[in-house]
Amino acid sequence: VQAGSFAPFSVASNDALAWRAPSSAEMA
């Protein structure tokens, strides 16, 4: 999970699911 800038899910090279969680301001 990476904080900031909401983005779509994507599959990382190590087959892990990588995505960006919205910051609290973005979620609000």
mmCIF file of all heavy atoms, coordinates in Angstrom:
data_MODEL
# 
_entry.id   MODEL 
# 
loop_
_atom_site.group_PDB 
_atom_site.id 
_atom_site.type_symbol 
_atom_site.label_atom_id 
_atom_site.label_alt_id 
_atom_site.label_comp_id 
_atom_site.label_asym_id 
_atom_site.label_entity_id 
_atom_site.label_seq_id 
_atom_site.pdbx_PDB_ins_code 
_atom_site.Cartn_x 
_atom_site.Cartn_y 
_atom_site.Cartn_z 
_atom_site.occupancy 
_atom_site.B_iso_or_equiv 
_atom_site.pdbx_formal_charge 
_atom_site.auth_seq_id 
_atom_site.auth_comp_id 
_atom_site.auth_asym_id 
_atom_site.auth_atom_id 
_atom_site.pdbx_PDB_model_num 
ATOM 1   N N   . VAL A 1 1  ? 0.850   -1.182  0.000   1.00 0.00 ? 1  VAL A N   1 
ATOM 2   C CA  . VAL A 1 1  ? 0.000   0.000   0.000   1.00 0.00 ? 1  VAL A CA  1 
ATOM 3   C C   . VAL A 1 1  ? 0.884   1.229   0.000   1.00 0.00 ? 1  VAL A C   1 
ATOM 4   O O   . VAL A 1 1  ? 1.813   1.328   0.790   1.00 0.00 ? 1  VAL A O   1 
ATOM 5   C CB  . VAL A 1 1  ? -0.916  0.022   1.248   1.00 0.00 ? 1  VAL A CB  1 
ATOM 6   C CG1 . VAL A 1 1  ? -1.767  1.261   1.258   1.00 0.00 ? 1  VAL A CG1 1 
ATOM 7   C CG2 . VAL A 1 1  ? -1.782  -1.226  1.284   1.00 0.00 ? 1  VAL A CG2 1 
ATOM 8   N N   . GLN A 1 2  ? 0.604   2.140   -0.901  1.00 0.00 ? 2  GLN A N   1 
ATOM 9   C CA  . GLN A 1 2  ? 1.335   3.399   -0.944  1.00 0.00 ? 2  GLN A CA  1 
ATOM 10  C C   . GLN A 1 2  ? 0.350   4.511   -0.630  1.00 0.00 ? 2  GLN A C   1 
ATOM 11  O O   . GLN A 1 2  ? -0.743  4.542   -1.191  1.00 0.00 ? 2  GLN A O   1 
ATOM 12  C CB  . GLN A 1 2  ? 1.953   3.614   -2.324  1.00 0.00 ? 2  GLN A CB  1 
ATOM 13  C CG  . GLN A 1 2  ? 2.970   2.538   -2.672  1.00 0.00 ? 2  GLN A CG  1 
ATOM 14  C CD  . GLN A 1 2  ? 3.438   2.660   -4.113  1.00 0.00 ? 2  GLN A CD  1 
ATOM 15  O OE1 . GLN A 1 2  ? 2.696   3.072   -4.978  1.00 0.00 ? 2  GLN A OE1 1 
ATOM 16  N NE2 . GLN A 1 2  ? 4.688   2.305   -4.340  1.00 0.00 ? 2  GLN A NE2 1 
ATOM 17  N N   . ALA A 1 3  ? 0.731   5.404   0.253   1.00 0.00 ? 3  ALA A N   1 
ATOM 18  C CA  . ALA A 1 3  ? -0.159  6.492   0.643   1.00 0.00 ? 3  ALA A CA  1 
ATOM 19  C C   . ALA A 1 3  ? -0.221  7.531   -0.461  1.00 0.00 ? 3  ALA A C   1 
ATOM 20  O O   . ALA A 1 3  ? 0.755   7.795   -1.145  1.00 0.00 ? 3  ALA A O   1 
ATOM 21  C CB  . ALA A 1 3  ? 0.322   7.138   1.934   1.00 0.00 ? 3  ALA A CB  1 
ATOM 22  N N   . GLY A 1 4  ? -1.395  8.111   -0.631  1.00 0.00 ? 4  GLY A N   1 
ATOM 23  C CA  . GLY A 1 4  ? -1.576  9.228   -1.560  1.00 0.00 ? 4  GLY A CA  1 
ATOM 24  C C   . GLY A 1 4  ? -2.020  8.800   -2.941  1.00 0.00 ? 4  GLY A C   1 
ATOM 25  O O   . GLY A 1 4  ? -1.917  7.656   -3.346  1.00 0.00 ? 4  GLY A O   1 
ATOM 26  N N   . SER A 1 5  ? -2.550  9.737   -3.677  1.00 0.00 ? 5  SER A N   1 
ATOM 27  C CA  . SER A 1 5  ? -2.961  9.607   -5.076  1.00 0.00 ? 5  SER A CA  1 
ATOM 28  C C   . SER A 1 5  ? -3.620  8.285   -5.422  1.00 0.00 ? 5  SER A C   1 
ATOM 29  O O   . SER A 1 5  ? -2.979  7.326   -5.804  1.00 0.00 ? 5  SER A O   1 
ATOM 30  C CB  . SER A 1 5  ? -1.765  9.838   -5.995  1.00 0.00 ? 5  SER A CB  1 
ATOM 31  O OG  . SER A 1 5  ? -1.288  11.133  -5.800  1.00 0.00 ? 5  SER A OG  1 
ATOM 32  N N   . PHE A 1 6  ? -4.925  8.253   -5.268  1.00 0.00 ? 6  PHE A N   1 
ATOM 33  C CA  . PHE A 1 6  ? -5.701  7.065   -5.569  1.00 0.00 ? 6  PHE A CA  1 
ATOM 34  C C   . PHE A 1 6  ? -5.492  6.665   -7.026  1.00 0.00 ? 6  PHE A C   1 
ATOM 35  O O   . PHE A 1 6  ? -5.572  7.466   -7.917  1.00 0.00 ? 6  PHE A O   1 
ATOM 36  C CB  . PHE A 1 6  ? -7.185  7.356   -5.314  1.00 0.00 ? 6  PHE A CB  1 
ATOM 37  C CG  . PHE A 1 6  ? -8.050  6.147   -5.424  1.00 0.00 ? 6  PHE A CG  1 
ATOM 38  C CD1 . PHE A 1 6  ? -8.079  5.216   -4.415  1.00 0.00 ? 6  PHE A CD1 1 
ATOM 39  C CD2 . PHE A 1 6  ? -8.825  5.949   -6.534  1.00 0.00 ? 6  PHE A CD2 1 
ATOM 40  C CE1 . PHE A 1 6  ? -8.881  4.102   -4.507  1.00 0.00 ? 6  PHE A CE1 1 
ATOM 41  C CE2 . PHE A 1 6  ? -9.628  4.836   -6.642  1.00 0.00 ? 6  PHE A CE2 1 
ATOM 42  C CZ  . PHE A 1 6  ? -9.664  3.912   -5.623  1.00 0.00 ? 6  PHE A CZ  1 
ATOM 43  N N   . ALA A 1 7  ? -5.178  5.426   -7.253  1.00 0.00 ? 7  ALA A N   1 
ATOM 44  C CA  . ALA A 1 7  ? -4.955  4.909   -8.602  1.00 0.00 ? 7  ALA A CA  1 
ATOM 45  C C   . ALA A 1 7  ? -5.544  3.514   -8.698  1.00 0.00 ? 7  ALA A C   1 
ATOM 46  O O   . ALA A 1 7  ? -5.795  2.873   -7.676  1.00 0.00 ? 7  ALA A O   1 
ATOM 47  C CB  . ALA A 1 7  ? -3.453  4.880   -8.902  1.00 0.00 ? 7  ALA A CB  1 
ATOM 48  N N   . PRO A 1 8  ? -5.745  2.994   -9.922  1.00 0.00 ? 8  PRO A N   1 
ATOM 49  C CA  . PRO A 1 8  ? -6.300  1.648   -10.051 1.00 0.00 ? 8  PRO A CA  1 
ATOM 50  C C   . PRO A 1 8  ? -5.321  0.582   -9.576  1.00 0.00 ? 8  PRO A C   1 
ATOM 51  O O   . PRO A 1 8  ? -4.135  0.815   -9.479  1.00 0.00 ? 8  PRO A O   1 
ATOM 52  C CB  . PRO A 1 8  ? -6.578  1.517   -11.544 1.00 0.00 ? 8  PRO A CB  1 
ATOM 53  C CG  . PRO A 1 8  ? -5.831  2.597   -12.209 1.00 0.00 ? 8  PRO A CG  1 
ATOM 54  C CD  . PRO A 1 8  ? -5.526  3.652   -11.189 1.00 0.00 ? 8  PRO A CD  1 
ATOM 55  N N   . PHE A 1 9  ? -5.882  -0.600  -9.303  1.00 0.00 ? 9  PHE A N   1 
ATOM 56  C CA  . PHE A 1 9  ? -5.053  -1.735  -8.919  1.00 0.00 ? 9  PHE A CA  1 
ATOM 57  C C   . PHE A 1 9  ? -4.150  -2.103  -10.087 1.00 0.00 ? 9  PHE A C   1 
ATOM 58  O O   . PHE A 1 9  ? -4.525  -1.987  -11.233 1.00 0.00 ? 9  PHE A O   1 
ATOM 59  C CB  . PHE A 1 9  ? -5.926  -2.952  -8.588  1.00 0.00 ? 9  PHE A CB  1 
ATOM 60  C CG  . PHE A 1 9  ? -6.675  -2.819  -7.314  1.00 0.00 ? 9  PHE A CG  1 
ATOM 61  C CD1 . PHE A 1 9  ? -7.987  -2.410  -7.300  1.00 0.00 ? 9  PHE A CD1 1 
ATOM 62  C CD2 . PHE A 1 9  ? -6.065  -3.115  -6.112  1.00 0.00 ? 9  PHE A CD2 1 
ATOM 63  C CE1 . PHE A 1 9  ? -8.681  -2.298  -6.125  1.00 0.00 ? 9  PHE A CE1 1 
ATOM 64  C CE2 . PHE A 1 9  ? -6.751  -3.006  -4.923  1.00 0.00 ? 9  PHE A CE2 1 
ATOM 65  C CZ  . PHE A 1 9  ? -8.068  -2.597  -4.928  1.00 0.00 ? 9  PHE A CZ  1 
ATOM 66  N N   . SER A 1 10 ? -2.976  -2.589  -9.789  1.00 0.00 ? 10 SER A N   1 
ATOM 67  C CA  . SER A 1 10 ? -2.097  -3.126  -10.821 1.00 0.00 ? 10 SER A CA  1 
ATOM 68  C C   . SER A 1 10 ? -1.293  -4.266  -10.212 1.00 0.00 ? 10 SER A C   1 
ATOM 69  O O   . SER A 1 10 ? -1.061  -4.288  -9.012  1.00 0.00 ? 10 SER A O   1 
ATOM 70  C CB  . SER A 1 10 ? -1.155  -2.042  -11.352 1.00 0.00 ? 10 SER A CB  1 
ATOM 71  O OG  . SER A 1 10 ? -0.303  -1.599  -10.324 1.00 0.00 ? 10 SER A OG  1 
ATOM 72  N N   . VAL A 1 11 ? -0.902  -5.196  -11.035 1.00 0.00 ? 11 VAL A N   1 
ATOM 73  C CA  . VAL A 1 11 ? -0.134  -6.330  -10.552 1.00 0.00 ? 11 VAL A CA  1 
ATOM 74  C C   . VAL A 1 11 ? 1.348   -6.002  -10.667 1.00 0.00 ? 11 VAL A C   1 
ATOM 75  O O   . VAL A 1 11 ? 1.834   -5.631  -11.725 1.00 0.00 ? 11 VAL A O   1 
ATOM 76  C CB  . VAL A 1 11 ? -0.466  -7.609  -11.345 1.00 0.00 ? 11 VAL A CB  1 
ATOM 77  C CG1 . VAL A 1 11 ? 0.384   -8.773  -10.876 1.00 0.00 ? 11 VAL A CG1 1 
ATOM 78  C CG2 . VAL A 1 11 ? -1.951  -7.923  -11.208 1.00 0.00 ? 11 VAL A CG2 1 
ATOM 79  N N   . ALA A 1 12 ? 2.063   -6.141  -9.570  1.00 0.00 ? 12 ALA A N   1 
ATOM 80  C CA  . ALA A 1 12 ? 3.492   -5.852  -9.550  1.00 0.00 ? 12 ALA A CA  1 
ATOM 81  C C   . ALA A 1 12 ? 4.258   -7.050  -10.117 1.00 0.00 ? 12 ALA A C   1 
ATOM 82  O O   . ALA A 1 12 ? 3.720   -8.142  -10.252 1.00 0.00 ? 12 ALA A O   1 
ATOM 83  C CB  . ALA A 1 12 ? 3.945   -5.561  -8.123  1.00 0.00 ? 12 ALA A CB  1 
ATOM 84  N N   . SER A 1 13 ? 5.532   -6.848  -10.437 1.00 0.00 ? 13 SER A N   1 
ATOM 85  C CA  . SER A 1 13 ? 6.343   -7.895  -11.044 1.00 0.00 ? 13 SER A CA  1 
ATOM 86  C C   . SER A 1 13 ? 6.476   -9.122  -10.144 1.00 0.00 ? 13 SER A C   1 
ATOM 87  O O   . SER A 1 13 ? 6.642   -10.224 -10.639 1.00 0.00 ? 13 SER A O   1 
ATOM 88  C CB  . SER A 1 13 ? 7.720   -7.348  -11.397 1.00 0.00 ? 13 SER A CB  1 
ATOM 89  O OG  . SER A 1 13 ? 8.362   -6.894  -10.228 1.00 0.00 ? 13 SER A OG  1 
ATOM 90  N N   . ASN A 1 14 ? 6.380   -8.955  -8.830  1.00 0.00 ? 14 ASN A N   1 
ATOM 91  C CA  . ASN A 1 14 ? 6.495   -10.101 -7.932  1.00 0.00 ? 14 ASN A CA  1 
ATOM 92  C C   . ASN A 1 14 ? 5.130   -10.730 -7.635  1.00 0.00 ? 14 ASN A C   1 
ATOM 93  O O   . ASN A 1 14 ? 4.958   -11.426 -6.652  1.00 0.00 ? 14 ASN A O   1 
ATOM 94  C CB  . ASN A 1 14 ? 7.208   -9.707  -6.635  1.00 0.00 ? 14 ASN A CB  1 
ATOM 95  C CG  . ASN A 1 14 ? 6.407   -8.710  -5.816  1.00 0.00 ? 14 ASN A CG  1 
ATOM 96  O OD1 . ASN A 1 14 ? 5.336   -8.277  -6.232  1.00 0.00 ? 14 ASN A OD1 1 
ATOM 97  N ND2 . ASN A 1 14 ? 6.925   -8.339  -4.663  1.00 0.00 ? 14 ASN A ND2 1 
ATOM 98  N N   . ASP A 1 15 ? 4.165   -10.476 -8.513  1.00 0.00 ? 15 ASP A N   1 
ATOM 99  C CA  . ASP A 1 15 ? 2.810   -11.008 -8.412  1.00 0.00 ? 15 ASP A CA  1 
ATOM 100 C C   . ASP A 1 15 ? 2.041   -10.489 -7.199  1.00 0.00 ? 15 ASP A C   1 
ATOM 101 O O   . ASP A 1 15 ? 0.984   -10.999 -6.884  1.00 0.00 ? 15 ASP A O   1 
ATOM 102 C CB  . ASP A 1 15 ? 2.785   -12.535 -8.414  1.00 0.00 ? 15 ASP A CB  1 
ATOM 103 C CG  . ASP A 1 15 ? 3.220   -13.091 -9.753  1.00 0.00 ? 15 ASP A CG  1 
ATOM 104 O OD1 . ASP A 1 15 ? 3.009   -12.416 -10.776 1.00 0.00 ? 15 ASP A OD1 1 
ATOM 105 O OD2 . ASP A 1 15 ? 3.771   -14.185 -9.749  1.00 0.00 ? 15 ASP A OD2 1 
ATOM 106 N N   . ALA A 1 16 ? 2.596   -9.508  -6.510  1.00 0.00 ? 16 ALA A N   1 
ATOM 107 C CA  . ALA A 1 16 ? 1.866   -8.899  -5.394  1.00 0.00 ? 16 ALA A CA  1 
ATOM 108 C C   . ALA A 1 16 ? 0.897   -7.870  -5.960  1.00 0.00 ? 16 ALA A C   1 
ATOM 109 O O   . ALA A 1 16 ? 1.128   -7.287  -7.006  1.00 0.00 ? 16 ALA A O   1 
ATOM 110 C CB  . ALA A 1 16 ? 2.835   -8.222  -4.435  1.00 0.00 ? 16 ALA A CB  1 
ATOM 111 N N   . LEU A 1 17 ? -0.182  -7.679  -5.266  1.00 0.00 ? 17 LEU A N   1 
ATOM 112 C CA  . LEU A 1 17 ? -1.152  -6.677  -5.668  1.00 0.00 ? 17 LEU A CA  1 
ATOM 113 C C   . LEU A 1 17 ? -0.672  -5.324  -5.158  1.00 0.00 ? 17 LEU A C   1 
ATOM 114 O O   . LEU A 1 17 ? -0.461  -5.148  -3.967  1.00 0.00 ? 17 LEU A O   1 
ATOM 115 C CB  . LEU A 1 17 ? -2.521  -7.022  -5.071  1.00 0.00 ? 17 LEU A CB  1 
ATOM 116 C CG  . LEU A 1 17 ? -3.703  -6.187  -5.500  1.00 0.00 ? 17 LEU A CG  1 
ATOM 117 C CD1 . LEU A 1 17 ? -3.910  -6.292  -7.011  1.00 0.00 ? 17 LEU A CD1 1 
ATOM 118 C CD2 . LEU A 1 17 ? -4.958  -6.661  -4.791  1.00 0.00 ? 17 LEU A CD2 1 
ATOM 119 N N   . ALA A 1 18 ? -0.465  -4.394  -6.044  1.00 0.00 ? 18 ALA A N   1 
ATOM 120 C CA  . ALA A 1 18 ? 0.015   -3.064  -5.658  1.00 0.00 ? 18 ALA A CA  1 
ATOM 121 C C   . ALA A 1 18 ? -1.076  -2.055  -5.969  1.00 0.00 ? 18 ALA A C   1 
ATOM 122 O O   . ALA A 1 18 ? -1.681  -2.089  -7.027  1.00 0.00 ? 18 ALA A O   1 
ATOM 123 C CB  . ALA A 1 18 ? 1.289   -2.714  -6.419  1.00 0.00 ? 18 ALA A CB  1 
ATOM 124 N N   . TRP A 1 19 ? -1.324  -1.166  -5.060  1.00 0.00 ? 19 TRP A N   1 
ATOM 125 C CA  . TRP A 1 19 ? -2.309  -0.117  -5.282  1.00 0.00 ? 19 TRP A CA  1 
ATOM 126 C C   . TRP A 1 19 ? -1.994  1.062   -4.399  1.00 0.00 ? 19 TRP A C   1 
ATOM 127 O O   . TRP A 1 19 ? -1.222  0.977   -3.470  1.00 0.00 ? 19 TRP A O   1 
ATOM 128 C CB  . TRP A 1 19 ? -3.716  -0.640  -5.053  1.00 0.00 ? 19 TRP A CB  1 
ATOM 129 C CG  . TRP A 1 19 ? -3.974  -1.176  -3.681  1.00 0.00 ? 19 TRP A CG  1 
ATOM 130 C CD1 . TRP A 1 19 ? -3.537  -2.347  -3.162  1.00 0.00 ? 19 TRP A CD1 1 
ATOM 131 C CD2 . TRP A 1 19 ? -4.749  -0.554  -2.640  1.00 0.00 ? 19 TRP A CD2 1 
ATOM 132 N NE1 . TRP A 1 19 ? -3.983  -2.504  -1.875  1.00 0.00 ? 19 TRP A NE1 1 
ATOM 133 C CE2 . TRP A 1 19 ? -4.726  -1.424  -1.527  1.00 0.00 ? 19 TRP A CE2 1 
ATOM 134 C CE3 . TRP A 1 19 ? -5.455  0.637   -2.552  1.00 0.00 ? 19 TRP A CE3 1 
ATOM 135 C CZ2 . TRP A 1 19 ? -5.373  -1.132  -0.347  1.00 0.00 ? 19 TRP A CZ2 1 
ATOM 136 C CZ3 . TRP A 1 19 ? -6.109  0.915   -1.367  1.00 0.00 ? 19 TRP A CZ3 1 
ATOM 137 C CH2 . TRP A 1 19 ? -6.071  0.042   -0.292  1.00 0.00 ? 19 TRP A CH2 1 
ATOM 138 N N   . ARG A 1 20 ? -2.610  2.147   -4.698  1.00 0.00 ? 20 ARG A N   1 
ATOM 139 C CA  . ARG A 1 20 ? -2.430  3.360   -3.916  1.00 0.00 ? 20 ARG A CA  1 
ATOM 140 C C   . ARG A 1 20 ? -3.702  3.637   -3.128  1.00 0.00 ? 20 ARG A C   1 
ATOM 141 O O   . ARG A 1 20 ? -4.783  3.645   -3.682  1.00 0.00 ? 20 ARG A O   1 
ATOM 142 C CB  . ARG A 1 20 ? -2.126  4.547   -4.811  1.00 0.00 ? 20 ARG A CB  1 
ATOM 143 C CG  . ARG A 1 20 ? -0.812  4.447   -5.512  1.00 0.00 ? 20 ARG A CG  1 
ATOM 144 C CD  . ARG A 1 20 ? -0.567  5.729   -6.302  1.00 0.00 ? 20 ARG A CD  1 
ATOM 145 N NE  . ARG A 1 20 ? 0.649   5.627   -7.047  1.00 0.00 ? 20 ARG A NE  1 
ATOM 146 C CZ  . ARG A 1 20 ? 1.839   5.987   -6.578  1.00 0.00 ? 20 ARG A CZ  1 
ATOM 147 N NH1 . ARG A 1 20 ? 1.948   6.453   -5.365  1.00 0.00 ? 20 ARG A NH1 1 
ATOM 148 N NH2 . ARG A 1 20 ? 2.898   5.875   -7.318  1.00 0.00 ? 20 ARG A NH2 1 
ATOM 149 N N   . ALA A 1 21 ? -3.549  3.857   -1.858  1.00 0.00 ? 21 ALA A N   1 
ATOM 150 C CA  . ALA A 1 21 ? -4.679  4.224   -1.014  1.00 0.00 ? 21 ALA A CA  1 
ATOM 151 C C   . ALA A 1 21 ? -4.785  5.744   -1.004  1.00 0.00 ? 21 ALA A C   1 
ATOM 152 O O   . ALA A 1 21 ? -3.774  6.439   -0.982  1.00 0.00 ? 21 ALA A O   1 
ATOM 153 C CB  . ALA A 1 21 ? -4.471  3.709   0.407   1.00 0.00 ? 21 ALA A CB  1 
ATOM 154 N N   . PRO A 1 22 ? -5.995  6.259   -1.026  1.00 0.00 ? 22 PRO A N   1 
ATOM 155 C CA  . PRO A 1 22 ? -6.131  7.715   -0.978  1.00 0.00 ? 22 PRO A CA  1 
ATOM 156 C C   . PRO A 1 22 ? -5.690  8.245   0.384   1.00 0.00 ? 22 PRO A C   1 
ATOM 157 O O   . PRO A 1 22 ? -5.845  7.578   1.403   1.00 0.00 ? 22 PRO A O   1 
ATOM 158 C CB  . PRO A 1 22 ? -7.620  7.945   -1.208  1.00 0.00 ? 22 PRO A CB  1 
ATOM 159 C CG  . PRO A 1 22 ? -8.277  6.664   -0.831  1.00 0.00 ? 22 PRO A CG  1 
ATOM 160 C CD  . PRO A 1 22 ? -7.274  5.577   -1.090  1.00 0.00 ? 22 PRO A CD  1 
ATOM 161 N N   . SER A 1 23 ? -5.142  9.442   0.376   1.00 0.00 ? 23 SER A N   1 
ATOM 162 C CA  . SER A 1 23 ? -4.812  10.106  1.639   1.00 0.00 ? 23 SER A CA  1 
ATOM 163 C C   . SER A 1 23 ? -6.125  10.459  2.334   1.00 0.00 ? 23 SER A C   1 
ATOM 164 O O   . SER A 1 23 ? -7.208  10.385  1.724   1.00 0.00 ? 23 SER A O   1 
ATOM 165 C CB  . SER A 1 23 ? -4.000  11.374  1.374   1.00 0.00 ? 23 SER A CB  1 
ATOM 166 O OG  . SER A 1 23 ? -4.822  12.335  0.722   1.00 0.00 ? 23 SER A OG  1 
ATOM 167 N N   . SER A 1 24 ? -6.065  10.871  3.583   1.00 0.00 ? 24 SER A N   1 
ATOM 168 C CA  . SER A 1 24 ? -7.302  11.233  4.285   1.00 0.00 ? 24 SER A CA  1 
ATOM 169 C C   . SER A 1 24 ? -7.985  12.420  3.601   1.00 0.00 ? 24 SER A C   1 
ATOM 170 O O   . SER A 1 24 ? -9.215  12.456  3.495   1.00 0.00 ? 24 SER A O   1 
ATOM 171 C CB  . SER A 1 24 ? -7.030  11.525  5.756   1.00 0.00 ? 24 SER A CB  1 
ATOM 172 O OG  . SER A 1 24 ? -6.115  12.586  5.893   1.00 0.00 ? 24 SER A OG  1 
ATOM 173 N N   . ALA A 1 25 ? -7.210  13.361  3.097   1.00 0.00 ? 25 ALA A N   1 
ATOM 174 C CA  . ALA A 1 25 ? -7.802  14.517  2.393   1.00 0.00 ? 25 ALA A CA  1 
ATOM 175 C C   . ALA A 1 25 ? -8.464  14.070  1.088   1.00 0.00 ? 25 ALA A C   1 
ATOM 176 O O   . ALA A 1 25 ? -9.557  14.542  0.748   1.00 0.00 ? 25 ALA A O   1 
ATOM 177 C CB  . ALA A 1 25 ? -6.728  15.571  2.118   1.00 0.00 ? 25 ALA A CB  1 
ATOM 178 N N   . GLU A 1 26 ? -7.808  13.167  0.371   1.00 0.00 ? 26 GLU A N   1 
ATOM 179 C CA  . GLU A 1 26 ? -8.388  12.666  -0.879  1.00 0.00 ? 26 GLU A CA  1 
ATOM 180 C C   . GLU A 1 26 ? -9.653  11.864  -0.615  1.00 0.00 ? 26 GLU A C   1 
ATOM 181 O O   . GLU A 1 26 ? -10.644 11.987  -1.338  1.00 0.00 ? 26 GLU A O   1 
ATOM 182 C CB  . GLU A 1 26 ? -7.368  11.812  -1.629  1.00 0.00 ? 26 GLU A CB  1 
ATOM 183 C CG  . GLU A 1 26 ? -6.231  12.625  -2.230  1.00 0.00 ? 26 GLU A CG  1 
ATOM 184 C CD  . GLU A 1 26 ? -5.083  11.774  -2.723  1.00 0.00 ? 26 GLU A CD  1 
ATOM 185 O OE1 . GLU A 1 26 ? -4.812  10.708  -2.122  1.00 0.00 ? 26 GLU A OE1 1 
ATOM 186 O OE2 . GLU A 1 26 ? -4.464  12.176  -3.716  1.00 0.00 ? 26 GLU A OE2 1 
ATOM 187 N N   . MET A 1 27 ? -9.640  11.054  0.443   1.00 0.00 ? 27 MET A N   1 
ATOM 188 C CA  . MET A 1 27 ? -10.827 10.261  0.775   1.00 0.00 ? 27 MET A CA  1 
ATOM 189 C C   . MET A 1 27 ? -11.983 11.167  1.163   1.00 0.00 ? 27 MET A C   1 
ATOM 190 O O   . MET A 1 27 ? -13.129 10.940  0.758   1.00 0.00 ? 27 MET A O   1 
ATOM 191 C CB  . MET A 1 27 ? -10.500 9.285   1.908   1.00 0.00 ? 27 MET A CB  1 
ATOM 192 C CG  . MET A 1 27 ? -11.557 8.220   2.103   1.00 0.00 ? 27 MET A CG  1 
ATOM 193 S SD  . MET A 1 27 ? -11.572 7.044   0.739   1.00 0.00 ? 27 MET A SD  1 
ATOM 194 C CE  . MET A 1 27 ? -13.203 7.328   0.098   1.00 0.00 ? 27 MET A CE  1 
ATOM 195 N N   . ALA A 1 28 ? -11.681 12.203  1.934   1.00 0.00 ? 28 ALA A N   1 
ATOM 196 C CA  . ALA A 1 28 ? -12.724 13.163  2.324   1.00 0.00 ? 28 ALA A CA  1 
ATOM 197 C C   . ALA A 1 28 ? -13.313 13.831  1.084   1.00 0.00 ? 28 ALA A C   1 
ATOM 198 O O   . ALA A 1 28 ? -14.534 14.025  0.991   1.00 0.00 ? 28 ALA A O   1 
ATOM 199 C CB  . ALA A 1 28 ? -12.157 14.203  3.287   1.00 0.00 ? 28 ALA A CB  1 
# 
